[in-house]
PDB file of N, CA and C in Angstrom:
ATOM      1  N   UNK A   1      53.022  26.964 147.016  1.00  0.00           N
ATOM      2  CA  UNK A   1      52.534  28.102 147.756  1.00  0.00           C
ATOM      3  C   UNK A   1      51.103  28.436 147.321  1.00  0.00           C
ATOM      4  N   UNK A   2      50.849  28.457 146.010  1.00  0.00           N
ATOM      5  CA  UNK A   2      49.515  28.794 145.542  1.00  0.00           C
ATOM      6  C   UNK A   2      48.508  27.717 145.923  1.00  0.00           C
ATOM      7  N   UNK A   3      48.949  26.463 145.980  1.00  0.00           N
ATOM      8  CA  UNK A   3      48.039  25.388 146.385  1.00  0.00           C
ATOM      9  C   UNK A   3      47.597  25.591 147.831  1.00  0.00           C
ATOM     10  N   UNK A   4      48.521  26.001 148.677  1.00  0.00           N
ATOM     11  CA  UNK A   4      48.174  26.292 150.079  1.00  0.00           C
ATOM     12  C   UNK A   4      47.213  27.467 150.157  1.00  0.00           C
ATOM     13  N   UNK A   5      47.502  28.516 149.413  1.00  0.00           N
ATOM     14  CA  UNK A   5      46.652  29.703 149.443  1.00  0.00           C
ATOM     15  C   UNK A   5      45.269  29.429 148.872  1.00  0.00           C
ATOM     16  N   UNK A   6      45.163  28.522 147.936  1.00  0.00           N
ATOM     17  CA  UNK A   6      43.873  28.213 147.325  1.00  0.00           C
ATOM     18  C   UNK A   6      42.934  27.529 148.313  1.00  0.00           C
ATOM     19  N   UNK A   7      43.489  26.775 149.242  1.00  0.00           N
ATOM     20  CA  UNK A   7      42.649  26.083 150.206  1.00  0.00           C
ATOM     21  C   UNK A   7      42.403  26.910 151.460  1.00  0.00           C
ATOM     22  N   UNK A   8      43.008  28.056 151.549  1.00  0.00           N
ATOM     23  CA  UNK A   8      42.750  28.982 152.629  1.00  0.00           C
ATOM     24  C   UNK A   8      41.565  29.843 152.202  1.00  0.00           C
ATOM     25  N   UNK A   9      40.435  29.696 152.880  1.00  0.00           N
ATOM     26  CA  UNK A   9      39.206  30.358 152.455  1.00  0.00           C
ATOM     27  C   UNK A   9      39.329  31.871 152.413  1.00  0.00           C
ATOM     28  N   UNK A  10      40.117  32.436 153.277  1.00  0.00           N
ATOM     29  CA  UNK A  10      40.251  33.896 153.329  1.00  0.00           C
ATOM     30  C   UNK A  10      40.970  34.426 152.094  1.00  0.00           C
ATOM     31  N   UNK A  11      41.989  33.724 151.614  1.00  0.00           N
ATOM     32  CA  UNK A  11      42.813  34.224 150.513  1.00  0.00           C
ATOM     33  C   UNK A  11      42.395  33.712 149.140  1.00  0.00           C
ATOM     34  N   UNK A  12      41.391  32.878 149.062  1.00  0.00           N
ATOM     35  CA  UNK A  12      40.992  32.324 147.770  1.00  0.00           C
ATOM     36  C   UNK A  12      40.574  33.416 146.795  1.00  0.00           C
ATOM     37  N   UNK A  13      39.856  34.409 147.272  1.00  0.00           N
ATOM     38  CA  UNK A  13      39.390  35.492 146.397  1.00  0.00           C
ATOM     39  C   UNK A  13      40.552  36.340 145.896  1.00  0.00           C
ATOM     40  N   UNK A  14      41.622  36.429 146.641  1.00  0.00           N
ATOM     41  CA  UNK A  14      42.760  37.252 146.256  1.00  0.00           C
ATOM     42  C   UNK A  14      43.859  36.465 145.557  1.00  0.00           C
ATOM     43  N   UNK A  15      43.618  35.215 145.221  1.00  0.00           N
ATOM     44  CA  UNK A  15      44.665  34.383 144.628  1.00  0.00           C
ATOM     45  C   UNK A  15      45.157  34.938 143.298  1.00  0.00           C
ATOM     46  N   UNK A  16      44.280  35.472 142.484  1.00  0.00           N
ATOM     47  CA  UNK A  16      44.685  36.070 141.215  1.00  0.00           C
ATOM     48  C   UNK A  16      45.567  37.290 141.420  1.00  0.00           C
ATOM     49  N   UNK A  17      45.224  38.118 142.399  1.00  0.00           N
ATOM     50  CA  UNK A  17      46.031  39.303 142.708  1.00  0.00           C
ATOM     51  C   UNK A  17      47.403  38.889 143.239  1.00  0.00           C
ATOM     52  N   UNK A  18      47.426  37.876 144.081  1.00  0.00           N
ATOM     53  CA  UNK A  18      48.699  37.390 144.612  1.00  0.00           C
ATOM     54  C   UNK A  18      49.573  36.881 143.478  1.00  0.00           C
ATOM     55  N   UNK A  19      48.957  36.188 142.512  1.00  0.00           N
ATOM     56  CA  UNK A  19      49.719  35.698 141.362  1.00  0.00           C
ATOM     57  C   UNK A  19      50.306  36.866 140.566  1.00  0.00           C
ATOM     58  N   UNK A  20      49.517  37.892 140.321  1.00  0.00           N
ATOM     59  CA  UNK A  20      50.013  39.043 139.558  1.00  0.00           C
ATOM     60  C   UNK A  20      51.157  39.750 140.281  1.00  0.00           C
ATOM     61  N   UNK A  21      51.056  39.860 141.596  1.00  0.00           N
ATOM     62  CA  UNK A  21      52.133  40.499 142.371  1.00  0.00           C
ATOM     63  C   UNK A  21      53.405  39.668 142.293  1.00  0.00           C
ATOM     64  N   UNK A  22      53.282  38.342 142.437  1.00  0.00           N
ATOM     65  CA  UNK A  22      54.488  37.510 142.357  1.00  0.00           C
ATOM     66  C   UNK A  22      55.072  37.520 140.952  1.00  0.00           C
ATOM     67  N   UNK A  23      54.222  37.636 139.937  1.00  0.00           N
ATOM     68  CA  UNK A  23      54.713  37.741 138.562  1.00  0.00           C
ATOM     69  C   UNK A  23      55.522  39.027 138.386  1.00  0.00           C
ATOM     70  N   UNK A  24      55.018  40.126 138.924  1.00  0.00           N
ATOM     71  CA  UNK A  24      55.751  41.397 138.847  1.00  0.00           C
ATOM     72  C   UNK A  24      57.078  41.298 139.597  1.00  0.00           C
ATOM     73  N   UNK A  25      57.072  40.657 140.762  1.00  0.00           N
ATOM     74  CA  UNK A  25      58.320  40.490 141.520  1.00  0.00           C
ATOM     75  C   UNK A  25      59.331  39.647 140.749  1.00  0.00           C
ATOM     76  N   UNK A  26      58.862  38.596 140.070  1.00  0.00           N
ATOM     77  CA  UNK A  26      59.775  37.768 139.273  1.00  0.00           C
ATOM     78  C   UNK A  26      60.382  38.565 138.128  1.00  0.00           C
ATOM     79  N   UNK A  27      59.581  39.407 137.490  1.00  0.00           N
ATOM     80  CA  UNK A  27      60.111  40.246 136.414  1.00  0.00           C
ATOM     81  C   UNK A  27      61.139  41.241 136.938  1.00  0.00           C
ATOM     82  N   UNK A  28      60.882  41.793 138.107  1.00  0.00           N
ATOM     83  CA  UNK A  28      61.843  42.725 138.718  1.00  0.00           C
ATOM     84  C   UNK A  28      63.139  42.004 139.058  1.00  0.00           C
ATOM     85  N   UNK A  29      63.037  40.817 139.676  1.00  0.00           N
ATOM     86  CA  UNK A  29      64.240  40.052 140.004  1.00  0.00           C
ATOM     87  C   UNK A  29      65.004  39.643 138.749  1.00  0.00           C
ATOM     88  N   UNK A  30      64.290  39.253 137.700  1.00  0.00           N
ATOM     89  CA  UNK A  30      64.925  38.891 136.431  1.00  0.00           C
ATOM     90  C   UNK A  30      65.711  40.084 135.887  1.00  0.00           C
ATOM     91  N   UNK A  31      65.106  41.263 135.935  1.00  0.00           N
ATOM     92  CA  UNK A  31      65.777  42.470 135.448  1.00  0.00           C
ATOM     93  C   UNK A  31      66.993  42.799 136.290  1.00  0.00           C
ATOM     94  N   UNK A  32      66.884  42.656 137.594  1.00  0.00           N
ATOM     95  CA  UNK A  32      68.029  42.936 138.472  1.00  0.00           C
ATOM     96  C   UNK A  32      69.169  41.952 138.214  1.00  0.00           C
ATOM     97  N   UNK A  33      68.840  40.677 138.096  1.00  0.00           N
ATOM     98  CA  UNK A  33      69.871  39.661 137.908  1.00  0.00           C
ATOM     99  C   UNK A  33      70.571  39.816 136.565  1.00  0.00           C
ATOM    100  N   UNK A  34      69.794  40.075 135.507  1.00  0.00           N
ATOM    101  CA  UNK A  34      70.365  40.168 134.163  1.00  0.00           C
ATOM    102  C   UNK A  34      70.498  41.614 133.688  1.00  0.00           C
ATOM    103  N   UNK A  35      70.641  42.550 134.612  1.00  0.00           N
ATOM    104  CA  UNK A  35      70.732  43.966 134.268  1.00  0.00           C
ATOM    105  C   UNK A  35      71.887  44.259 133.326  1.00  0.00           C
ATOM    106  N   UNK A  36      73.007  43.670 133.586  1.00  0.00           N
ATOM    107  CA  UNK A  36      74.179  43.929 132.744  1.00  0.00           C
ATOM    108  C   UNK A  36      73.962  43.432 131.318  1.00  0.00           C
ATOM    109  N   UNK A  37      73.278  42.324 131.183  1.00  0.00           N
ATOM    110  CA  UNK A  37      73.044  41.763 129.857  1.00  0.00           C
ATOM    111  C   UNK A  37      71.934  42.521 129.122  1.00  0.00           C
ATOM    112  N   UNK A  38      70.881  42.844 129.844  1.00  0.00           N
ATOM    113  CA  UNK A  38      69.727  43.496 129.219  1.00  0.00           C
ATOM    114  C   UNK A  38      70.055  44.918 128.784  1.00  0.00           C
ATOM    115  N   UNK A  39      70.727  45.675 129.632  1.00  0.00           N
ATOM    116  CA  UNK A  39      70.972  47.088 129.355  1.00  0.00           C
ATOM    117  C   UNK A  39      72.361  47.374 128.793  1.00  0.00           C
ATOM    118  N   UNK A  40      73.063  46.353 128.335  1.00  0.00           N
ATOM    119  CA  UNK A  40      74.382  46.594 127.761  1.00  0.00           C
ATOM    120  C   UNK A  40      74.241  47.218 126.380  1.00  0.00           C
ATOM    121  N   UNK A  41      75.277  47.917 125.968  1.00  0.00           N
ATOM    122  CA  UNK A  41      75.228  48.587 124.673  1.00  0.00           C
ATOM    123  C   UNK A  41      75.474  47.628 123.509  1.00  0.00           C
ATOM    124  N   UNK A  42      76.099  46.517 123.793  1.00  0.00           N
ATOM    125  CA  UNK A  42      76.287  45.518 122.744  1.00  0.00           C
ATOM    126  C   UNK A  42      75.021  44.673 122.649  1.00  0.00           C
ATOM    127  N   UNK A  43      74.626  44.366 121.451  1.00  0.00           N
ATOM    128  CA  UNK A  43      73.401  43.592 121.285  1.00  0.00           C
ATOM    129  C   UNK A  43      73.688  42.105 121.435  1.00  0.00           C
ATOM    130  N   UNK A  44      72.720  41.414 121.978  1.00  0.00           N
ATOM    131  CA  UNK A  44      72.843  39.973 122.143  1.00  0.00           C
ATOM    132  C   UNK A  44      72.532  39.281 120.826  1.00  0.00           C
ATOM    133  N   UNK A  45      73.225  38.209 120.552  1.00  0.00           N
ATOM    134  CA  UNK A  45      72.843  37.408 119.381  1.00  0.00           C
ATOM    135  C   UNK A  45      71.436  36.833 119.577  1.00  0.00           C
ATOM    136  N   UNK A  46      70.778  36.570 118.500  1.00  0.00           N
ATOM    137  CA  UNK A  46      69.402  36.080 118.551  1.00  0.00           C
ATOM    138  C   UNK A  46      69.295  34.784 119.347  1.00  0.00           C
ATOM    139  N   UNK A  47      70.272  33.912 119.239  1.00  0.00           N
ATOM    140  CA  UNK A  47      70.248  32.639 119.962  1.00  0.00           C
ATOM    141  C   UNK A  47      70.261  32.880 121.465  1.00  0.00           C
ATOM    142  N   UNK A  48      71.063  33.835 121.918  1.00  0.00           N
ATOM    143  CA  UNK A  48      71.131  34.135 123.346  1.00  0.00           C
ATOM    144  C   UNK A  48      69.834  34.761 123.840  1.00  0.00           C
ATOM    145  N   UNK A  49      69.226  35.616 123.031  1.00  0.00           N
ATOM    146  CA  UNK A  49      67.946  36.211 123.424  1.00  0.00           C
ATOM    147  C   UNK A  49      66.871  35.138 123.571  1.00  0.00           C
ATOM    148  N   UNK A  50      66.844  34.224 122.619  1.00  0.00           N
ATOM    149  CA  UNK A  50      65.861  33.142 122.678  1.00  0.00           C
ATOM    150  C   UNK A  50      66.147  32.234 123.865  1.00  0.00           C
ATOM    151  N   UNK A  51      67.414  31.989 124.141  1.00  0.00           N
ATOM    152  CA  UNK A  51      67.788  31.137 125.267  1.00  0.00           C
ATOM    153  C   UNK A  51      67.368  31.750 126.596  1.00  0.00           C
ATOM    154  N   UNK A  52      67.303  33.067 126.676  1.00  0.00           N
ATOM    155  CA  UNK A  52      66.829  33.721 127.898  1.00  0.00           C
ATOM    156  C   UNK A  52      65.308  33.689 127.991  1.00  0.00           C
ATOM    157  N   UNK A  53      64.630  33.775 126.879  1.00  0.00           N
ATOM    158  CA  UNK A  53      63.174  33.867 126.899  1.00  0.00           C
ATOM    159  C   UNK A  53      62.463  32.520 127.011  1.00  0.00           C
ATOM    160  N   UNK A  54      63.048  31.463 126.465  1.00  0.00           N
ATOM    161  CA  UNK A  54      62.381  30.162 126.469  1.00  0.00           C
ATOM    162  C   UNK A  54      62.076  29.673 127.882  1.00  0.00           C
ATOM    163  N   UNK A  55      63.030  29.660 128.816  1.00  0.00           N
ATOM    164  CA  UNK A  55      62.679  29.202 130.173  1.00  0.00           C
ATOM    165  C   UNK A  55      61.627  30.090 130.833  1.00  0.00           C
ATOM    166  N   UNK A  56      61.721  31.392 130.615  1.00  0.00           N
ATOM    167  CA  UNK A  56      60.755  32.297 131.230  1.00  0.00           C
ATOM    168  C   UNK A  56      59.349  32.035 130.686  1.00  0.00           C
ATOM    169  N   UNK A  57      59.209  31.881 129.380  1.00  0.00           N
ATOM    170  CA  UNK A  57      57.900  31.620 128.791  1.00  0.00           C
ATOM    171  C   UNK A  57      57.379  30.232 129.156  1.00  0.00           C
ATOM    172  N   UNK A  58      58.267  29.262 129.227  1.00  0.00           N
ATOM    173  CA  UNK A  58      57.871  27.912 129.598  1.00  0.00           C
ATOM    174  C   UNK A  58      57.305  27.880 131.015  1.00  0.00           C
ATOM    175  N   UNK A  59      58.039  28.467 131.952  1.00  0.00           N
ATOM    176  CA  UNK A  59      57.577  28.457 133.334  1.00  0.00           C
ATOM    177  C   UNK A  59      56.360  29.345 133.536  1.00  0.00           C
ATOM    178  N   UNK A  60      56.244  30.417 132.787  1.00  0.00           N
ATOM    179  CA  UNK A  60      55.054  31.254 132.858  1.00  0.00           C
ATOM    180  C   UNK A  60      53.828  30.472 132.411  1.00  0.00           C
ATOM    181  N   UNK A  61      53.962  29.708 131.340  1.00  0.00           N
ATOM    182  CA  UNK A  61      52.856  28.882 130.860  1.00  0.00           C
ATOM    183  C   UNK A  61      52.474  27.825 131.884  1.00  0.00           C
ATOM    184  N   UNK A  62      53.460  27.176 132.472  1.00  0.00           N
ATOM    185  CA  UNK A  62      53.191  26.155 133.488  1.00  0.00           C
ATOM    186  C   UNK A  62      52.502  26.776 134.693  1.00  0.00           C
ATOM    187  N   UNK A  63      52.957  27.950 135.120  1.00  0.00           N
ATOM    188  CA  UNK A  63      52.341  28.619 136.266  1.00  0.00           C
ATOM    189  C   UNK A  63      50.893  28.984 135.975  1.00  0.00           C
ATOM    190  N   UNK A  64      50.625  29.505 134.789  1.00  0.00           N
ATOM    191  CA  UNK A  64      49.257  29.886 134.437  1.00  0.00           C
ATOM    192  C   UNK A  64      48.351  28.656 134.420  1.00  0.00           C
ATOM    193  N   UNK A  65      48.809  27.562 133.851  1.00  0.00           N
ATOM    194  CA  UNK A  65      48.013  26.338 133.842  1.00  0.00           C
ATOM    195  C   UNK A  65      47.756  25.828 135.256  1.00  0.00           C
ATOM    196  N   UNK A  66      48.777  25.886 136.103  1.00  0.00           N
ATOM    197  CA  UNK A  66      48.656  25.429 137.479  1.00  0.00           C
ATOM    198  C   UNK A  66      47.673  26.302 138.252  1.00  0.00           C
ATOM    199  N   UNK A  67      47.785  27.612 138.110  1.00  0.00           N
ATOM    200  CA  UNK A  67      46.890  28.526 138.814  1.00  0.00           C
ATOM    201  C   UNK A  67      45.458  28.366 138.312  1.00  0.00           C
ATOM    202  N   UNK A  68      45.287  28.231 137.009  1.00  0.00           N
ATOM    203  CA  UNK A  68      43.924  28.070 136.489  1.00  0.00           C
ATOM    204  C   UNK A  68      43.299  26.770 136.972  1.00  0.00           C
ATOM    205  N   UNK A  69      44.099  25.712 137.086  1.00  0.00           N
ATOM    206  CA  UNK A  69      43.579  24.451 137.602  1.00  0.00           C
ATOM    207  C   UNK A  69      43.157  24.595 139.066  1.00  0.00           C
ATOM    208  N   UNK A  70      43.965  25.284 139.861  1.00  0.00           N
ATOM    209  CA  UNK A  70      43.632  25.503 141.267  1.00  0.00           C
ATOM    210  C   UNK A  70      42.372  26.344 141.396  1.00  0.00           C
ATOM    211  N   UNK A  71      42.289  27.410 140.609  1.00  0.00           N
ATOM    212  CA  UNK A  71      41.122  28.277 140.679  1.00  0.00           C
ATOM    213  C   UNK A  71      39.853  27.556 140.232  1.00  0.00           C
ATOM    214  N   UNK A  72      39.960  26.722 139.221  1.00  0.00           N
ATOM    215  CA  UNK A  72      38.794  25.955 138.776  1.00  0.00           C
ATOM    216  C   UNK A  72      38.333  24.977 139.843  1.00  0.00           C
ATOM    217  N   UNK A  73      39.278  24.357 140.561  1.00  0.00           N
ATOM    218  CA  UNK A  73      38.904  23.440 141.638  1.00  0.00           C
ATOM    219  C   UNK A  73      38.215  24.182 142.781  1.00  0.00           C
ATOM    220  N   UNK A  74      38.713  25.357 143.107  1.00  0.00           N
ATOM    221  CA  UNK A  74      38.110  26.102 144.220  1.00  0.00           C
ATOM    222  C   UNK A  74      36.765  26.694 143.825  1.00  0.00           C
ATOM    223  N   UNK A  75      36.566  27.019 142.558  1.00  0.00           N
ATOM    224  CA  UNK A  75      35.280  27.562 142.133  1.00  0.00           C
ATOM    225  C   UNK A  75      34.212  26.491 142.046  1.00  0.00           C
ATOM    226  N   UNK A  76      34.606  25.251 141.782  1.00  0.00           N
ATOM    227  CA  UNK A  76      33.657  24.150 141.672  1.00  0.00           C
ATOM    228  C   UNK A  76      33.077  23.808 143.039  1.00  0.00           C
ATOM    229  N   UNK A  77      33.868  23.982 144.084  1.00  0.00           N
ATOM    230  CA  UNK A  77      33.413  23.642 145.443  1.00  0.00           C
ATOM    231  C   UNK A  77      32.251  24.467 145.766  1.00  0.00           C
TER     232      UNK A  77
END
């Protein structure tokens, strides 16, 4: 989706804002999906907390690298 938006001249300037909005939406969806686990009164074991955070941090890093690569390509043009 971001690759398509990067080549659309009208939305290239707003690509960073679009990324931030989708990041906020992902955090909201994550909270909704795991609401019972996050807001439960029993604490999660450390292994389970790490198991929830590793995929989120991994994909966040990949997304940031991908977006920065797209933005660098569009700025070079």
